Amino acid sequence: MDKIKIAIPVANGKLCAHFGHCEQFAIIDVENGEIKEKAFHLPPPHEPGVLPQWLHDMGANVIIAGGMGMRAQQLFVQNGIQVVTGAPIDSPEILVKQYAAGTLATGANMCDH
């Protein structure tokens, strides 16, 4: 894991359980397990298929989410973005550090559609 760009849906400074209803996305560049750059971006209006393409265009190759429907997961994979679901509601920095260290504890996908 040399360089990765991780997208995390955020609301109120923490992971938003449903990525389609988040206020913004944290886009975090990680190099050799260290956070190098972090930016917050307002997503385009939520329509099926829009977010995977938008995040792909921003260079993201991993999305960490609380929950995500199967169709959305398939669209992310088709856009070359690895999907991690069941992440806890926590700050993007903590989630990214845990992911980079291989210690991110994930539970059930919090989305039922």
C-alpha atoms as a PDB file:
ATOM      1  CA  MET A   1       0.000   0.000   0.000  1.00  0.00           C
ATOM      2  CA  ASP A   2       2.160   2.844  -1.253  1.00  0.00           C
ATOM      3  CA  LYS A   3      -0.205   5.622  -2.300  1.00  0.00           C
ATOM      4  CA  ILE A   4      -3.967   5.525  -1.972  1.00  0.00           C
ATOM      5  CA  LYS A   5      -6.737   8.090  -2.096  1.00  0.00           C
ATOM      6  CA  ILE A   6      -9.595   7.328   0.277  1.00  0.00           C
ATOM      7  CA  ALA A   7     -13.077   8.849   0.072  1.00  0.00           C
ATOM      8  CA  ILE A   8     -15.250   8.996   3.187  1.00  0.00           C
ATOM      9  CA  PRO A   9     -18.808  10.371   3.314  1.00  0.00           C
ATOM     10  CA  VAL A  10     -18.995  12.892   6.149  1.00  0.00           C
ATOM     11  CA  ALA A  11     -21.715  14.600   8.182  1.00  0.00           C
ATOM     12  CA  ASN A  12     -20.959  16.694  11.266  1.00  0.00           C
ATOM     13  CA  GLY A  13     -17.255  15.856  11.025  1.00  0.00           C
ATOM     14  CA  LYS A  14     -17.749  12.096  11.251  1.00  0.00           C
ATOM     15  CA  LEU A  15     -18.510   9.250   8.873  1.00  0.00           C
ATOM     16  CA  CYS A  16     -22.087   9.489   7.586  1.00  0.00           C
ATOM     17  CA  ALA A  17     -23.793   6.102   7.873  1.00  0.00           C
ATOM     18  CA  HIS A  18     -25.531   6.469   4.498  1.00  0.00           C
ATOM     19  CA  PHE A  19     -23.121   7.726   1.856  1.00  0.00           C
ATOM     20  CA  GLY A  20     -25.868   9.068  -0.413  1.00  0.00           C
ATOM     21  CA  HIS A  21     -27.058  11.525   2.234  1.00  0.00           C
ATOM     22  CA  CYS A  22     -23.733  12.934   3.396  1.00  0.00           C
ATOM     23  CA  GLU A  23     -22.934  16.662   3.597  1.00  0.00           C
ATOM     24  CA  GLN A  24     -19.515  16.263   1.995  1.00  0.00           C
ATOM     25  CA  PHE A  25     -16.782  13.797   1.179  1.00  0.00           C
ATOM     26  CA  ALA A  26     -13.401  13.765   2.843  1.00  0.00           C
ATOM     27  CA  ILE A  27     -10.787  12.886   0.227  1.00  0.00           C
ATOM     28  CA  ILE A  28      -7.618  11.786   1.985  1.00  0.00           C
ATOM     29  CA  ASP A  29      -4.289  10.992   0.350  1.00  0.00           C
ATOM     30  CA  VAL A  30      -2.298   8.321   2.162  1.00  0.00           C
ATOM     31  CA  GLU A  31       1.294   7.490   1.392  1.00  0.00           C
ATOM     32  CA  ASN A  32       3.095   4.641   3.154  1.00  0.00           C
ATOM     33  CA  GLY A  33       0.421   4.603   5.853  1.00  0.00           C
ATOM     34  CA  GLU A  34       0.654   8.345   6.589  1.00  0.00           C
ATOM     35  CA  ILE A  35      -1.978  10.996   5.804  1.00  0.00           C
ATOM     36  CA  LYS A  36      -0.396  13.426   3.340  1.00  0.00           C
ATOM     37  CA  GLU A  37      -3.320  15.554   2.274  1.00  0.00           C
ATOM     38  CA  LYS A  38      -6.963  15.989   3.248  1.00  0.00           C
ATOM     39  CA  ALA A  39      -9.706  17.965   1.551  1.00  0.00           C
ATOM     40  CA  PHE A  40     -13.473  18.180   1.860  1.00  0.00           C
ATOM     41  CA  HIS A  41     -15.662  18.351  -1.244  1.00  0.00           C
ATOM     42  CA  LEU A  42     -19.378  18.931  -1.733  1.00  0.00           C
ATOM     43  CA  PRO A  43     -20.780  16.025  -3.741  1.00  0.00           C
ATOM     44  CA  PRO A  44     -22.959  16.455  -6.806  1.00  0.00           C
ATOM     45  CA  PRO A  45     -26.705  15.824  -6.333  1.00  0.00           C
ATOM     46  CA  HIS A  46     -27.301  12.186  -5.366  1.00  0.00           C
ATOM     47  CA  GLU A  47     -28.423  10.222  -8.400  1.00  0.00           C
ATOM     48  CA  PRO A  48     -27.705   6.534  -9.022  1.00  0.00           C
ATOM     49  CA  GLY A  49     -24.259   6.168 -10.563  1.00  0.00           C
ATOM     50  CA  VAL A  50     -23.155   9.782 -10.104  1.00  0.00           C
ATOM     51  CA  LEU A  51     -21.021   9.430  -6.962  1.00  0.00           C
ATOM     52  CA  PRO A  52     -18.882   6.467  -8.132  1.00  0.00           C
ATOM     53  CA  GLN A  53     -17.956   8.320 -11.338  1.00  0.00           C
ATOM     54  CA  TRP A  54     -17.377  11.613  -9.496  1.00  0.00           C
ATOM     55  CA  LEU A  55     -15.108   9.981  -6.905  1.00  0.00           C
ATOM     56  CA  HIS A  56     -13.269   8.055  -9.644  1.00  0.00           C
ATOM     57  CA  ASP A  57     -12.678  11.341 -11.471  1.00  0.00           C
ATOM     58  CA  MET A  58     -11.232  12.764  -8.232  1.00  0.00           C
ATOM     59  CA  GLY A  59      -8.765   9.874  -8.114  1.00  0.00           C
ATOM     60  CA  ALA A  60     -10.273   7.923  -5.218  1.00  0.00           C
ATOM     61  CA  ASN A  61      -9.432   4.219  -5.162  1.00  0.00           C
ATOM     62  CA  VAL A  62     -11.043   3.290  -1.813  1.00  0.00           C
ATOM     63  CA  ILE A  63     -14.335   4.353  -0.229  1.00  0.00           C
ATOM     64  CA  ILE A  64     -14.967   3.711   3.452  1.00  0.00           C
ATOM     65  CA  ALA A  65     -18.674   3.762   4.261  1.00  0.00           C
ATOM     66  CA  GLY A  66     -21.096   2.730   6.946  1.00  0.00           C
ATOM     67  CA  GLY A  67     -23.622   1.305   4.544  1.00  0.00           C
ATOM     68  CA  MET A  68     -24.136   1.012   0.825  1.00  0.00           C
ATOM     69  CA  GLY A  69     -26.574  -0.842  -1.389  1.00  0.00           C
ATOM     70  CA  MET A  70     -25.343  -3.649  -3.636  1.00  0.00           C
ATOM     71  CA  ARG A  71     -25.916  -1.690  -6.860  1.00  0.00           C
ATOM     72  CA  ALA A  72     -23.827   1.216  -5.574  1.00  0.00           C
ATOM     73  CA  GLN A  73     -21.072  -1.198  -4.517  1.00  0.00           C
ATOM     74  CA  GLN A  74     -21.039  -2.694  -8.016  1.00  0.00           C
ATOM     75  CA  LEU A  75     -20.792   0.775  -9.576  1.00  0.00           C
ATOM     76  CA  PHE A  76     -17.839   1.672  -7.353  1.00  0.00           C
ATOM     77  CA  VAL A  77     -16.055  -1.555  -8.264  1.00  0.00           C
ATOM     78  CA  GLN A  78     -16.709  -0.882 -11.965  1.00  0.00           C
ATOM     79  CA  ASN A  79     -15.035   2.513 -11.435  1.00  0.00           C
ATOM     80  CA  GLY A  80     -11.978   0.865  -9.885  1.00  0.00           C
ATOM     81  CA  ILE A  81     -12.829   1.864  -6.319  1.00  0.00           C
ATOM     82  CA  GLN A  82     -12.528  -0.678  -3.499  1.00  0.00           C
ATOM     83  CA  VAL A  83     -15.554  -0.598  -1.178  1.00  0.00           C
ATOM     84  CA  VAL A  84     -15.242  -0.988   2.593  1.00  0.00           C
ATOM     85  CA  THR A  85     -18.618  -1.068   4.365  1.00  0.00           C
ATOM     86  CA  GLY A  86     -19.638  -1.431   7.989  1.00  0.00           C
ATOM     87  CA  ALA A  87     -17.162   1.194   9.205  1.00  0.00           C
ATOM     88  CA  PRO A  88     -17.906   2.806  12.574  1.00  0.00           C
ATOM     89  CA  ILE A  89     -19.108   6.403  12.914  1.00  0.00           C
ATOM     90  CA  ASP A  90     -15.793   8.129  13.595  1.00  0.00           C
ATOM     91  CA  SER A  91     -13.612  10.928  12.231  1.00  0.00           C
ATOM     92  CA  PRO A  92     -12.170  10.441   8.737  1.00  0.00           C
ATOM     93  CA  GLU A  93      -8.614  10.695  10.085  1.00  0.00           C
ATOM     94  CA  ILE A  94      -9.126   7.871  12.588  1.00  0.00           C
ATOM     95  CA  LEU A  95     -10.800   5.650   9.976  1.00  0.00           C
ATOM     96  CA  VAL A  96      -8.022   6.248   7.450  1.00  0.00           C
ATOM     97  CA  LYS A  97      -5.261   5.579   9.978  1.00  0.00           C
ATOM     98  CA  GLN A  98      -6.969   2.341  11.041  1.00  0.00           C
ATOM     99  CA  TYR A  99      -7.493   1.305   7.413  1.00  0.00           C
ATOM    100  CA  ALA A 100      -3.856   2.017   6.528  1.00  0.00           C
ATOM    101  CA  ALA A 101      -2.696   0.044   9.577  1.00  0.00           C
ATOM    102  CA  GLY A 102      -4.997  -2.870   8.749  1.00  0.00           C
ATOM    103  CA  THR A 103      -6.875  -2.450  12.035  1.00  0.00           C
ATOM    104  CA  LEU A 104     -10.184  -0.969  10.822  1.00  0.00           C
ATOM    105  CA  ALA A 105     -12.921  -3.002  12.488  1.00  0.00           C
ATOM    106  CA  THR A 106     -15.952  -3.255  10.226  1.00  0.00           C
ATOM    107  CA  GLY A 107     -19.356  -4.588  11.106  1.00  0.00           C
ATOM    108  CA  ALA A 108     -22.466  -5.218   9.096  1.00  0.00           C
ATOM    109  CA  ASN A 109     -23.289  -3.114   6.059  1.00  0.00           C
ATOM    110  CA  MET A 110     -25.659  -0.492   7.509  1.00  0.00           C
ATOM    111  CA  CYS A 111     -27.696  -0.233   4.324  1.00  0.00           C
ATOM    112  CA  ASP A 112     -30.571  -2.510   3.398  1.00  0.00           C
ATOM    113  CA  HIS A 113     -31.120  -1.577  -0.254  1.00  0.00           C
END
